């Protein structure tokens, strides 16, 4: 089960990388598509943020990417992260996620 979930997380990361290379933003829309409910400025900001996020995510280690994608994008609980990613406890997984989040923020220039 652990290997299956780890493979699912890694596949999700690869999908995100492919989307970024095609210019898609997080909600699955293409960067060149305009949402009639948002302004052109909103579209540019959203696209730039999504690209910065993905670029920063790619600059992290595979372990940090797996952790952040599982927690933030897939909604894994810390208990599940510990079990799937091999952390000794939920508290250890929570601390690892916190540190990975800080590294992501630094990579994004925050």
PDB file of N, CA and C in Angstrom:
ATOM      1  N   UNK A   1       0.825  -1.195   0.000  1.00  0.00           N
ATOM      2  CA  UNK A   1       0.000   0.000   0.000  1.00  0.00           C
ATOM      3  C   UNK A   1       0.872   1.264   0.000  1.00  0.00           C
ATOM      4  N   UNK A   2       1.945   1.232   0.790  1.00  0.00           N
ATOM      5  CA  UNK A   2       2.836   2.383   0.885  1.00  0.00           C
ATOM      6  C   UNK A   2       3.434   2.702  -0.478  1.00  0.00           C
ATOM      7  N   UNK A   3       3.918   1.685  -1.175  1.00  0.00           N
ATOM      8  CA  UNK A   3       4.519   1.900  -2.496  1.00  0.00           C
ATOM      9  C   UNK A   3       3.504   2.444  -3.488  1.00  0.00           C
ATOM     10  N   UNK A   4       2.274   1.957  -3.410  1.00  0.00           N
ATOM     11  CA  UNK A   4       1.210   2.428  -4.301  1.00  0.00           C
ATOM     12  C   UNK A   4       0.963   3.916  -4.082  1.00  0.00           C
ATOM     13  N   UNK A   5       0.827   4.325  -2.821  1.00  0.00           N
ATOM     14  CA  UNK A   5       0.555   5.729  -2.528  1.00  0.00           C
ATOM     15  C   UNK A   5       1.742   6.615  -2.889  1.00  0.00           C
ATOM     16  N   UNK A   6       2.937   6.128  -2.643  1.00  0.00           N
ATOM     17  CA  UNK A   6       4.126   6.893  -3.007  1.00  0.00           C
ATOM     18  C   UNK A   6       4.191   7.075  -4.521  1.00  0.00           C
ATOM     19  N   UNK A   7       3.852   6.034  -5.264  1.00  0.00           N
ATOM     20  CA  UNK A   7       3.811   6.139  -6.733  1.00  0.00           C
ATOM     21  C   UNK A   7       2.753   7.144  -7.171  1.00  0.00           C
ATOM     22  N   UNK A   8       1.613   7.144  -6.490  1.00  0.00           N
ATOM     23  CA  UNK A   8       0.543   8.087  -6.827  1.00  0.00           C
ATOM     24  C   UNK A   8       1.005   9.525  -6.598  1.00  0.00           C
ATOM     25  N   UNK A   9       1.718   9.756  -5.512  1.00  0.00           N
ATOM     26  CA  UNK A   9       2.218  11.103  -5.224  1.00  0.00           C
ATOM     27  C   UNK A   9       3.222  11.524  -6.284  1.00  0.00           C
ATOM     28  N   UNK A  10       4.144  10.642  -6.610  1.00  0.00           N
ATOM     29  CA  UNK A  10       5.163  10.981  -7.612  1.00  0.00           C
ATOM     30  C   UNK A  10       4.532  11.229  -8.979  1.00  0.00           C
ATOM     31  N   UNK A  11       3.513  10.447  -9.316  1.00  0.00           N
ATOM     32  CA  UNK A  11       2.825  10.663 -10.593  1.00  0.00           C
ATOM     33  C   UNK A  11       2.128  12.016 -10.603  1.00  0.00           C
ATOM     34  N   UNK A  12       1.581  12.427  -9.467  1.00  0.00           N
ATOM     35  CA  UNK A  12       0.924  13.734  -9.379  1.00  0.00           C
ATOM     36  C   UNK A  12       1.938  14.855  -9.597  1.00  0.00           C
ATOM     37  N   UNK A  13       3.121  14.696  -9.009  1.00  0.00           N
ATOM     38  CA  UNK A  13       4.180  15.696  -9.204  1.00  0.00           C
ATOM     39  C   UNK A  13       4.547  15.775 -10.679  1.00  0.00           C
ATOM     40  N   UNK A  14       4.710  14.620 -11.333  1.00  0.00           N
ATOM     41  CA  UNK A  14       5.043  14.614 -12.762  1.00  0.00           C
ATOM     42  C   UNK A  14       3.945  15.283 -13.588  1.00  0.00           C
ATOM     43  N   UNK A  15       2.677  15.030 -13.221  1.00  0.00           N
ATOM     44  CA  UNK A  15       1.569  15.670 -13.926  1.00  0.00           C
ATOM     45  C   UNK A  15       1.633  17.183 -13.795  1.00  0.00           C
ATOM     46  N   UNK A  16       1.955  17.657 -12.589  1.00  0.00           N
ATOM     47  CA  UNK A  16       2.054  19.096 -12.364  1.00  0.00           C
ATOM     48  C   UNK A  16       3.181  19.702 -13.196  1.00  0.00           C
ATOM     49  N   UNK A  17       4.278  18.994 -13.298  1.00  0.00           N
ATOM     50  CA  UNK A  17       5.399  19.477 -14.104  1.00  0.00           C
ATOM     51  C   UNK A  17       4.985  19.562 -15.568  1.00  0.00           C
ATOM     52  N   UNK A  18       4.296  18.535 -16.056  1.00  0.00           N
ATOM     53  CA  UNK A  18       3.828  18.563 -17.449  1.00  0.00           C
ATOM     54  C   UNK A  18       2.877  19.726 -17.679  1.00  0.00           C
ATOM     55  N   UNK A  19       1.959  19.946 -16.740  1.00  0.00           N
ATOM     56  CA  UNK A  19       1.015  21.060 -16.869  1.00  0.00           C
ATOM     57  C   UNK A  19       1.749  22.390 -16.929  1.00  0.00           C
ATOM     58  N   UNK A  20       2.733  22.540 -16.066  1.00  0.00           N
ATOM     59  CA  UNK A  20       3.485  23.801 -16.037  1.00  0.00           C
ATOM     60  C   UNK A  20       4.189  24.040 -17.364  1.00  0.00           C
ATOM     61  N   UNK A  21       4.718  22.986 -17.946  1.00  0.00           N
ATOM     62  CA  UNK A  21       5.427  23.154 -19.216  1.00  0.00           C
ATOM     63  C   UNK A  21       4.465  23.512 -20.347  1.00  0.00           C
ATOM     64  N   UNK A  22       3.197  23.184 -20.190  1.00  0.00           N
ATOM     65  CA  UNK A  22       2.192  23.534 -21.200  1.00  0.00           C
ATOM     66  C   UNK A  22       1.542  24.882 -20.905  1.00  0.00           C
ATOM     67  N   UNK A  23       1.913  25.500 -19.784  1.00  0.00           N
ATOM     68  CA  UNK A  23       1.357  26.807 -19.445  1.00  0.00           C
ATOM     69  C   UNK A  23       0.015  26.746 -18.753  1.00  0.00           C
ATOM     70  N   UNK A  24      -0.348  25.606 -18.194  1.00  0.00           N
ATOM     71  CA  UNK A  24      -1.623  25.502 -17.489  1.00  0.00           C
ATOM     72  C   UNK A  24      -1.476  26.011 -16.067  1.00  0.00           C
ATOM     73  N   UNK A  25      -2.549  26.574 -15.558  1.00  0.00           N
ATOM     74  CA  UNK A  25      -2.558  27.003 -14.165  1.00  0.00           C
ATOM     75  C   UNK A  25      -3.176  25.905 -13.319  1.00  0.00           C
ATOM     76  N   UNK A  26      -3.159  26.054 -12.016  1.00  0.00           N
ATOM     77  CA  UNK A  26      -3.522  24.979 -11.087  1.00  0.00           C
ATOM     78  C   UNK A  26      -4.919  24.422 -11.298  1.00  0.00           C
ATOM     79  N   UNK A  27      -5.891  25.227 -11.640  1.00  0.00           N
ATOM     80  CA  UNK A  27      -7.256  24.734 -11.778  1.00  0.00           C
ATOM     81  C   UNK A  27      -7.489  23.982 -13.084  1.00  0.00           C
ATOM     82  N   UNK A  28      -6.423  23.764 -13.849  1.00  0.00           N
ATOM     83  CA  UNK A  28      -6.539  23.003 -15.081  1.00  0.00           C
ATOM     84  C   UNK A  28      -6.770  23.851 -16.314  1.00  0.00           C
ATOM     85  N   UNK A  29      -7.006  25.148 -16.137  1.00  0.00           N
ATOM     86  CA  UNK A  29      -7.205  26.024 -17.281  1.00  0.00           C
ATOM     87  C   UNK A  29      -5.860  26.301 -17.944  1.00  0.00           C
ATOM     88  N   UNK A  30      -5.897  26.633 -19.197  1.00  0.00           N
ATOM     89  CA  UNK A  30      -4.658  26.997 -19.883  1.00  0.00           C
ATOM     90  C   UNK A  30      -4.369  28.474 -19.608  1.00  0.00           C
ATOM     91  N   UNK A  31      -3.119  28.803 -19.639  1.00  0.00           N
ATOM     92  CA  UNK A  31      -2.723  30.170 -19.347  1.00  0.00           C
ATOM     93  C   UNK A  31      -3.296  31.158 -20.361  1.00  0.00           C
ATOM     94  N   UNK A  32      -3.567  30.689 -21.589  1.00  0.00           N
ATOM     95  CA  UNK A  32      -4.079  31.601 -22.604  1.00  0.00           C
ATOM     96  C   UNK A  32      -5.604  31.675 -22.630  1.00  0.00           C
ATOM     97  N   UNK A  33      -6.290  30.964 -21.752  1.00  0.00           N
ATOM     98  CA  UNK A  33      -7.741  31.031 -21.661  1.00  0.00           C
ATOM     99  C   UNK A  33      -8.121  32.106 -20.657  1.00  0.00           C
ATOM    100  N   UNK A  34      -9.143  32.843 -20.968  1.00  0.00           N
ATOM    101  CA  UNK A  34      -9.573  33.922 -20.098  1.00  0.00           C
ATOM    102  C   UNK A  34     -10.876  33.543 -19.418  1.00  0.00           C
ATOM    103  N   UNK A  35     -10.914  33.703 -18.113  1.00  0.00           N
ATOM    104  CA  UNK A  35     -12.133  33.498 -17.340  1.00  0.00           C
ATOM    105  C   UNK A  35     -12.931  34.797 -17.399  1.00  0.00           C
ATOM    106  N   UNK A  36     -14.182  34.753 -17.888  1.00  0.00           N
ATOM    107  CA  UNK A  36     -14.940  35.996 -18.016  1.00  0.00           C
ATOM    108  C   UNK A  36     -15.176  36.693 -16.678  1.00  0.00           C
ATOM    109  N   UNK A  37     -15.019  35.978 -15.562  1.00  0.00           N
ATOM    110  CA  UNK A  37     -15.250  36.573 -14.252  1.00  0.00           C
ATOM    111  C   UNK A  37     -14.028  37.242 -13.659  1.00  0.00           C
ATOM    112  N   UNK A  38     -12.894  37.156 -14.314  1.00  0.00           N
ATOM    113  CA  UNK A  38     -11.695  37.771 -13.747  1.00  0.00           C
ATOM    114  C   UNK A  38     -11.080  38.737 -14.750  1.00  0.00           C
ATOM    115  N   UNK A  39     -10.350  39.692 -14.204  1.00  0.00           N
ATOM    116  CA  UNK A  39      -9.727  40.690 -15.065  1.00  0.00           C
ATOM    117  C   UNK A  39      -8.461  40.124 -15.692  1.00  0.00           C
ATOM    118  N   UNK A  40      -7.976  40.741 -16.746  1.00  0.00           N
ATOM    119  CA  UNK A  40      -6.715  40.301 -17.350  1.00  0.00           C
ATOM    120  C   UNK A  40      -5.557  40.331 -16.345  1.00  0.00           C
ATOM    121  N   UNK A  41      -5.565  41.320 -15.469  1.00  0.00           N
ATOM    122  CA  UNK A  41      -4.521  41.400 -14.451  1.00  0.00           C
ATOM    123  C   UNK A  41      -4.596  40.202 -13.514  1.00  0.00           C
ATOM    124  N   UNK A  42      -5.802  39.827 -13.105  1.00  0.00           N
ATOM    125  CA  UNK A  42      -5.980  38.651 -12.249  1.00  0.00           C
ATOM    126  C   UNK A  42      -5.441  37.398 -12.931  1.00  0.00           C
ATOM    127  N   UNK A  43      -5.703  37.265 -14.212  1.00  0.00           N
ATOM    128  CA  UNK A  43      -5.231  36.109 -14.968  1.00  0.00           C
ATOM    129  C   UNK A  43      -3.707  36.050 -15.005  1.00  0.00           C
ATOM    130  N   UNK A  44      -3.092  37.179 -15.240  1.00  0.00           N
ATOM    131  CA  UNK A  44      -1.630  37.226 -15.303  1.00  0.00           C
ATOM    132  C   UNK A  44      -1.036  36.878 -13.945  1.00  0.00           C
ATOM    133  N   UNK A  45      -1.587  37.444 -12.897  1.00  0.00           N
ATOM    134  CA  UNK A  45      -1.080  37.186 -11.545  1.00  0.00           C
ATOM    135  C   UNK A  45      -1.233  35.717 -11.190  1.00  0.00           C
ATOM    136  N   UNK A  46      -2.390  35.140 -11.472  1.00  0.00           N
ATOM    137  CA  UNK A  46      -2.628  33.731 -11.168  1.00  0.00           C
ATOM    138  C   UNK A  46      -1.679  32.828 -11.943  1.00  0.00           C
ATOM    139  N   UNK A  47      -1.487  33.118 -13.206  1.00  0.00           N
ATOM    140  CA  UNK A  47      -0.592  32.307 -14.034  1.00  0.00           C
ATOM    141  C   UNK A  47       0.850  32.428 -13.553  1.00  0.00           C
ATOM    142  N   UNK A  48       1.290  33.633 -13.267  1.00  0.00           N
ATOM    143  CA  UNK A  48       2.657  33.832 -12.793  1.00  0.00           C
ATOM    144  C   UNK A  48       2.887  33.149 -11.451  1.00  0.00           C
ATOM    145  N   UNK A  49       1.906  33.239 -10.559  1.00  0.00           N
ATOM    146  CA  UNK A  49       2.027  32.581  -9.250  1.00  0.00           C
ATOM    147  C   UNK A  49       2.111  31.073  -9.414  1.00  0.00           C
ATOM    148  N   UNK A  50       1.277  30.519 -10.274  1.00  0.00           N
ATOM    149  CA  UNK A  50       1.281  29.071 -10.492  1.00  0.00           C
ATOM    150  C   UNK A  50       2.618  28.615 -11.070  1.00  0.00           C
ATOM    151  N   UNK A  51       3.152  29.376 -11.993  1.00  0.00           N
ATOM    152  CA  UNK A  51       4.445  29.024 -12.583  1.00  0.00           C
ATOM    153  C   UNK A  51       5.575  29.162 -11.567  1.00  0.00           C
ATOM    154  N   UNK A  52       5.523  30.195 -10.740  1.00  0.00           N
ATOM    155  CA  UNK A  52       6.536  30.352  -9.681  1.00  0.00           C
ATOM    156  C   UNK A  52       6.455  29.208  -8.686  1.00  0.00           C
ATOM    157  N   UNK A  53       5.222  28.814  -8.326  1.00  0.00           N
ATOM    158  CA  UNK A  53       5.021  27.701  -7.396  1.00  0.00           C
ATOM    159  C   UNK A  53       5.622  26.421  -7.971  1.00  0.00           C
ATOM    160  N   UNK A  54       5.314  26.135  -9.215  1.00  0.00           N
ATOM    161  CA  UNK A  54       5.816  24.900  -9.822  1.00  0.00           C
ATOM    162  C   UNK A  54       7.326  24.914  -9.982  1.00  0.00           C
ATOM    163  N   UNK A  55       7.875  26.055 -10.368  1.00  0.00           N
ATOM    164  CA  UNK A  55       9.330  26.161 -10.495  1.00  0.00           C
ATOM    165  C   UNK A  55      10.001  25.974  -9.140  1.00  0.00           C
ATOM    166  N   UNK A  56       9.429  26.573  -8.110  1.00  0.00           N
ATOM    167  CA  UNK A  56       9.984  26.425  -6.764  1.00  0.00           C
ATOM    168  C   UNK A  56       9.849  24.989  -6.295  1.00  0.00           C
ATOM    169  N   UNK A  57       8.728  24.366  -6.587  1.00  0.00           N
ATOM    170  CA  UNK A  57       8.504  22.973  -6.202  1.00  0.00           C
ATOM    171  C   UNK A  57       9.556  22.077  -6.853  1.00  0.00           C
ATOM    172  N   UNK A  58       9.866  22.336  -8.103  1.00  0.00           N
ATOM    173  CA  UNK A  58      10.870  21.535  -8.813  1.00  0.00           C
ATOM    174  C   UNK A  58      12.279  21.731  -8.265  1.00  0.00           C
ATOM    175  N   UNK A  59      12.512  22.854  -7.614  1.00  0.00           N
ATOM    176  CA  UNK A  59      13.847  23.109  -7.066  1.00  0.00           C
ATOM    177  C   UNK A  59      14.079  22.363  -5.751  1.00  0.00           C
ATOM    178  N   UNK A  60      13.019  21.827  -5.166  1.00  0.00           N
ATOM    179  CA  UNK A  60      13.131  21.099  -3.897  1.00  0.00           C
ATOM    180  C   UNK A  60      13.568  19.659  -4.144  1.00  0.00           C
ATOM    181  N   UNK A  61      13.934  18.986  -3.077  1.00  0.00           N
ATOM    182  CA  UNK A  61      14.270  17.571  -3.189  1.00  0.00           C
ATOM    183  C   UNK A  61      13.015  16.773  -3.498  1.00  0.00           C
ATOM    184  N   UNK A  62      13.206  15.578  -3.995  1.00  0.00           N
ATOM    185  CA  UNK A  62      12.061  14.718  -4.300  1.00  0.00           C
ATOM    186  C   UNK A  62      11.239  14.438  -3.039  1.00  0.00           C
ATOM    187  N   UNK A  63      11.915  14.261  -1.914  1.00  0.00           N
ATOM    188  CA  UNK A  63      11.213  13.995  -0.655  1.00  0.00           C
ATOM    189  C   UNK A  63      10.329  15.181  -0.261  1.00  0.00           C
ATOM    190  N   UNK A  64      10.854  16.410  -0.405  1.00  0.00           N
ATOM    191  CA  UNK A  64      10.056  17.599  -0.085  1.00  0.00           C
ATOM    192  C   UNK A  64       8.884  17.747  -1.045  1.00  0.00           C
ATOM    193  N   UNK A  65       9.130  17.500  -2.340  1.00  0.00           N
ATOM    194  CA  UNK A  65       8.039  17.581  -3.322  1.00  0.00           C
ATOM    195  C   UNK A  65       6.940  16.587  -2.986  1.00  0.00           C
ATOM    196  N   UNK A  66       7.333  15.337  -2.717  1.00  0.00           N
ATOM    197  CA  UNK A  66       6.340  14.313  -2.380  1.00  0.00           C
ATOM    198  C   UNK A  66       5.522  14.735  -1.164  1.00  0.00           C
ATOM    199  N   UNK A  67       6.205  15.243  -0.162  1.00  0.00           N
ATOM    200  CA  UNK A  67       5.546  15.649   1.072  1.00  0.00           C
ATOM    201  C   UNK A  67       4.559  16.784   0.834  1.00  0.00           C
ATOM    202  N   UNK A  68       4.995  17.812   0.123  1.00  0.00           N
ATOM    203  CA  UNK A  68       4.125  18.964  -0.107  1.00  0.00           C
ATOM    204  C   UNK A  68       2.947  18.643  -1.024  1.00  0.00           C
ATOM    205  N   UNK A  69       3.194  17.886  -2.071  1.00  0.00           N
ATOM    206  CA  UNK A  69       2.087  17.531  -2.969  1.00  0.00           C
ATOM    207  C   UNK A  69       1.068  16.672  -2.230  1.00  0.00           C
ATOM    208  N   UNK A  70       1.545  15.713  -1.452  1.00  0.00           N
ATOM    209  CA  UNK A  70       0.621  14.844  -0.706  1.00  0.00           C
ATOM    210  C   UNK A  70      -0.188  15.637   0.310  1.00  0.00           C
ATOM    211  N   UNK A  71       0.453  16.555   1.002  1.00  0.00           N
ATOM    212  CA  UNK A  71      -0.241  17.322   2.045  1.00  0.00           C
ATOM    213  C   UNK A  71      -1.114  18.416   1.469  1.00  0.00           C
ATOM    214  N   UNK A  72      -0.554  19.255   0.617  1.00  0.00           N
ATOM    215  CA  UNK A  72      -1.262  20.448   0.148  1.00  0.00           C
ATOM    216  C   UNK A  72      -2.240  20.141  -0.981  1.00  0.00           C
ATOM    217  N   UNK A  73      -1.787  19.396  -1.967  1.00  0.00           N
ATOM    218  CA  UNK A  73      -2.631  19.190  -3.145  1.00  0.00           C
ATOM    219  C   UNK A  73      -3.542  17.976  -3.036  1.00  0.00           C
ATOM    220  N   UNK A  74      -3.083  16.943  -2.342  1.00  0.00           N
ATOM    221  CA  UNK A  74      -3.899  15.732  -2.215  1.00  0.00           C
ATOM    222  C   UNK A  74      -4.621  15.648  -0.878  1.00  0.00           C
ATOM    223  N   UNK A  75      -4.262  16.510   0.074  1.00  0.00           N
ATOM    224  CA  UNK A  75      -4.968  16.581   1.349  1.00  0.00           C
ATOM    225  C   UNK A  75      -4.685  15.445   2.318  1.00  0.00           C
ATOM    226  N   UNK A  76      -3.530  14.807   2.217  1.00  0.00           N
ATOM    227  CA  UNK A  76      -3.199  13.733   3.149  1.00  0.00           C
ATOM    228  C   UNK A  76      -3.125  14.283   4.574  1.00  0.00           C
ATOM    229  N   UNK A  77      -3.561  13.495   5.533  1.00  0.00           N
ATOM    230  CA  UNK A  77      -3.398  13.825   6.945  1.00  0.00           C
ATOM    231  C   UNK A  77      -1.962  13.511   7.346  1.00  0.00           C
ATOM    232  N   UNK A  78      -1.494  14.094   8.429  1.00  0.00           N
ATOM    233  CA  UNK A  78      -0.125  13.851   8.872  1.00  0.00           C
ATOM    234  C   UNK A  78       0.105  12.385   9.214  1.00  0.00           C
ATOM    235  N   UNK A  79      -0.901  11.730   9.746  1.00  0.00           N
ATOM    236  CA  UNK A  79      -0.783  10.301  10.049  1.00  0.00           C
ATOM    237  C   UNK A  79      -0.529   9.505   8.773  1.00  0.00           C
ATOM    238  N   UNK A  80      -1.244   9.869   7.715  1.00  0.00           N
ATOM    239  CA  UNK A  80      -1.071   9.182   6.430  1.00  0.00           C
ATOM    240  C   UNK A  80       0.308   9.482   5.838  1.00  0.00           C
ATOM    241  N   UNK A  81       0.738  10.740   5.952  1.00  0.00           N
ATOM    242  CA  UNK A  81       2.064  11.100   5.457  1.00  0.00           C
ATOM    243  C   UNK A  81       3.139  10.288   6.156  1.00  0.00           C
ATOM    244  N   UNK A  82       3.006  10.156   7.474  1.00  0.00           N
ATOM    245  CA  UNK A  82       3.999   9.400   8.239  1.00  0.00           C
ATOM    246  C   UNK A  82       4.072   7.968   7.741  1.00  0.00           C
ATOM    247  N   UNK A  83       2.925   7.368   7.560  1.00  0.00           N
ATOM    248  CA  UNK A  83       2.879   5.965   7.136  1.00  0.00           C
ATOM    249  C   UNK A  83       3.406   5.795   5.709  1.00  0.00           C
ATOM    250  N   UNK A  84       2.968   6.626   4.806  1.00  0.00           N
ATOM    251  CA  UNK A  84       3.315   6.469   3.394  1.00  0.00           C
ATOM    252  C   UNK A  84       4.756   6.887   3.093  1.00  0.00           C
ATOM    253  N   UNK A  85       5.196   7.966   3.717  1.00  0.00           N
ATOM    254  CA  UNK A  85       6.515   8.502   3.393  1.00  0.00           C
ATOM    255  C   UNK A  85       7.599   8.066   4.372  1.00  0.00           C
ATOM    256  N   UNK A  86       7.229   7.263   5.355  1.00  0.00           N
ATOM    257  CA  UNK A  86       8.228   6.675   6.227  1.00  0.00           C
ATOM    258  C   UNK A  86       8.686   7.525   7.400  1.00  0.00           C
ATOM    259  N   UNK A  87       7.903   8.485   7.816  1.00  0.00           N
ATOM    260  CA  UNK A  87       8.246   9.263   9.006  1.00  0.00           C
ATOM    261  C   UNK A  87       7.850   8.469  10.243  1.00  0.00           C
ATOM    262  N   UNK A  88       8.589   8.614  11.350  1.00  0.00           N
ATOM    263  CA  UNK A  88       8.308   7.792  12.528  1.00  0.00           C
ATOM    264  C   UNK A  88       6.976   8.099  13.220  1.00  0.00           C
ATOM    265  N   UNK A  89       6.437   9.307  13.016  1.00  0.00           N
ATOM    266  CA  UNK A  89       5.179   9.677  13.669  1.00  0.00           C
ATOM    267  C   UNK A  89       4.503  10.794  12.892  1.00  0.00           C
ATOM    268  N   UNK A  90       3.245  11.078  13.267  1.00  0.00           N
ATOM    269  CA  UNK A  90       2.526  12.185  12.650  1.00  0.00           C
ATOM    270  C   UNK A  90       3.214  13.508  12.981  1.00  0.00           C
ATOM    271  N   UNK A  91       3.746  13.619  14.197  1.00  0.00           N
ATOM    272  CA  UNK A  91       4.445  14.847  14.590  1.00  0.00           C
ATOM    273  C   UNK A  91       5.696  15.054  13.731  1.00  0.00           C
ATOM    274  N   UNK A  92       6.407  13.982  13.442  1.00  0.00           N
ATOM    275  CA  UNK A  92       7.598  14.085  12.591  1.00  0.00           C
ATOM    276  C   UNK A  92       7.198  14.488  11.176  1.00  0.00           C
ATOM    277  N   UNK A  93       6.104  13.943  10.678  1.00  0.00           N
ATOM    278  CA  UNK A  93       5.623  14.309   9.342  1.00  0.00           C
ATOM    279  C   UNK A  93       5.188  15.770   9.313  1.00  0.00           C
ATOM    280  N   UNK A  94       4.538  16.227  10.375  1.00  0.00           N
ATOM    281  CA  UNK A  94       4.103  17.623  10.455  1.00  0.00           C
ATOM    282  C   UNK A  94       5.319  18.562  10.437  1.00  0.00           C
ATOM    283  N   UNK A  95       6.354  18.226  11.196  1.00  0.00           N
ATOM    284  CA  UNK A  95       7.565  19.054  11.225  1.00  0.00           C
ATOM    285  C   UNK A  95       8.277  19.031   9.868  1.00  0.00           C
ATOM    286  N   UNK A  96       8.335  17.869   9.241  1.00  0.00           N
ATOM    287  CA  UNK A  96       8.951  17.768   7.917  1.00  0.00           C
ATOM    288  C   UNK A  96       8.171  18.611   6.908  1.00  0.00           C
ATOM    289  N   UNK A  97       6.845  18.597   6.999  1.00  0.00           N
ATOM    290  CA  UNK A  97       6.008  19.400   6.099  1.00  0.00           C
ATOM    291  C   UNK A  97       6.226  20.889   6.355  1.00  0.00           C
ATOM    292  N   UNK A  98       6.346  21.264   7.606  1.00  0.00           N
ATOM    293  CA  UNK A  98       6.596  22.670   7.949  1.00  0.00           C
ATOM    294  C   UNK A  98       7.921  23.133   7.345  1.00  0.00           C
ATOM    295  N   UNK A  99       8.950  22.330   7.520  1.00  0.00           N
ATOM    296  CA  UNK A  99      10.267  22.695   6.981  1.00  0.00           C
ATOM    297  C   UNK A  99      10.264  22.722   5.451  1.00  0.00           C
ATOM    298  N   UNK A 100       9.580  21.763   4.842  1.00  0.00           N
ATOM    299  CA  UNK A 100       9.484  21.750   3.374  1.00  0.00           C
ATOM    300  C   UNK A 100       8.739  22.992   2.893  1.00  0.00           C
ATOM    301  N   UNK A 101       7.703  23.392   3.615  1.00  0.00           N
ATOM    302  CA  UNK A 101       6.958  24.604   3.271  1.00  0.00           C
ATOM    303  C   UNK A 101       7.824  25.855   3.358  1.00  0.00           C
ATOM    304  N   UNK A 102       8.685  25.902   4.368  1.00  0.00           N
ATOM    305  CA  UNK A 102       9.610  27.033   4.494  1.00  0.00           C
ATOM    306  C   UNK A 102      10.603  27.060   3.338  1.00  0.00           C
ATOM    307  N   UNK A 103      11.096  25.886   2.971  1.00  0.00           N
ATOM    308  CA  UNK A 103      12.021  25.832   1.823  1.00  0.00           C
ATOM    309  C   UNK A 103      11.312  26.256   0.537  1.00  0.00           C
ATOM    310  N   UNK A 104      10.054  25.849   0.390  1.00  0.00           N
ATOM    311  CA  UNK A 104       9.275  26.255  -0.783  1.00  0.00           C
ATOM    312  C   UNK A 104       9.094  27.768  -0.801  1.00  0.00           C
ATOM    313  N   UNK A 105       8.768  28.346   0.352  1.00  0.00           N
ATOM    314  CA  UNK A 105       8.573  29.794   0.424  1.00  0.00           C
ATOM    315  C   UNK A 105       9.863  30.526   0.067  1.00  0.00           C
ATOM    316  N   UNK A 106      11.014  30.035   0.567  1.00  0.00           N
ATOM    317  CA  UNK A 106      12.291  30.667   0.223  1.00  0.00           C
ATOM    318  C   UNK A 106      12.561  30.542  -1.278  1.00  0.00           C
ATOM    319  N   UNK A 107      12.247  29.385  -1.846  1.00  0.00           N
ATOM    320  CA  UNK A 107      12.471  29.187  -3.280  1.00  0.00           C
ATOM    321  C   UNK A 107      11.580  30.099  -4.116  1.00  0.00           C
ATOM    322  N   UNK A 108      10.417  30.448  -3.572  1.00  0.00           N
ATOM    323  CA  UNK A 108       9.505  31.343  -4.285  1.00  0.00           C
ATOM    324  C   UNK A 108       9.857  32.817  -4.049  1.00  0.00           C
ATOM    325  N   UNK A 109      10.856  33.044  -3.190  1.00  0.00           N
ATOM    326  CA  UNK A 109      11.286  34.413  -2.954  1.00  0.00           C
ATOM    327  C   UNK A 109      10.514  35.133  -1.871  1.00  0.00           C
ATOM    328  N   UNK A 110       9.841  34.377  -1.016  1.00  0.00           N
ATOM    329  CA  UNK A 110       9.065  35.017   0.066  1.00  0.00           C
ATOM    330  C   UNK A 110       9.914  35.266   1.284  1.00  0.00           C
TER     331      UNK A 110
END
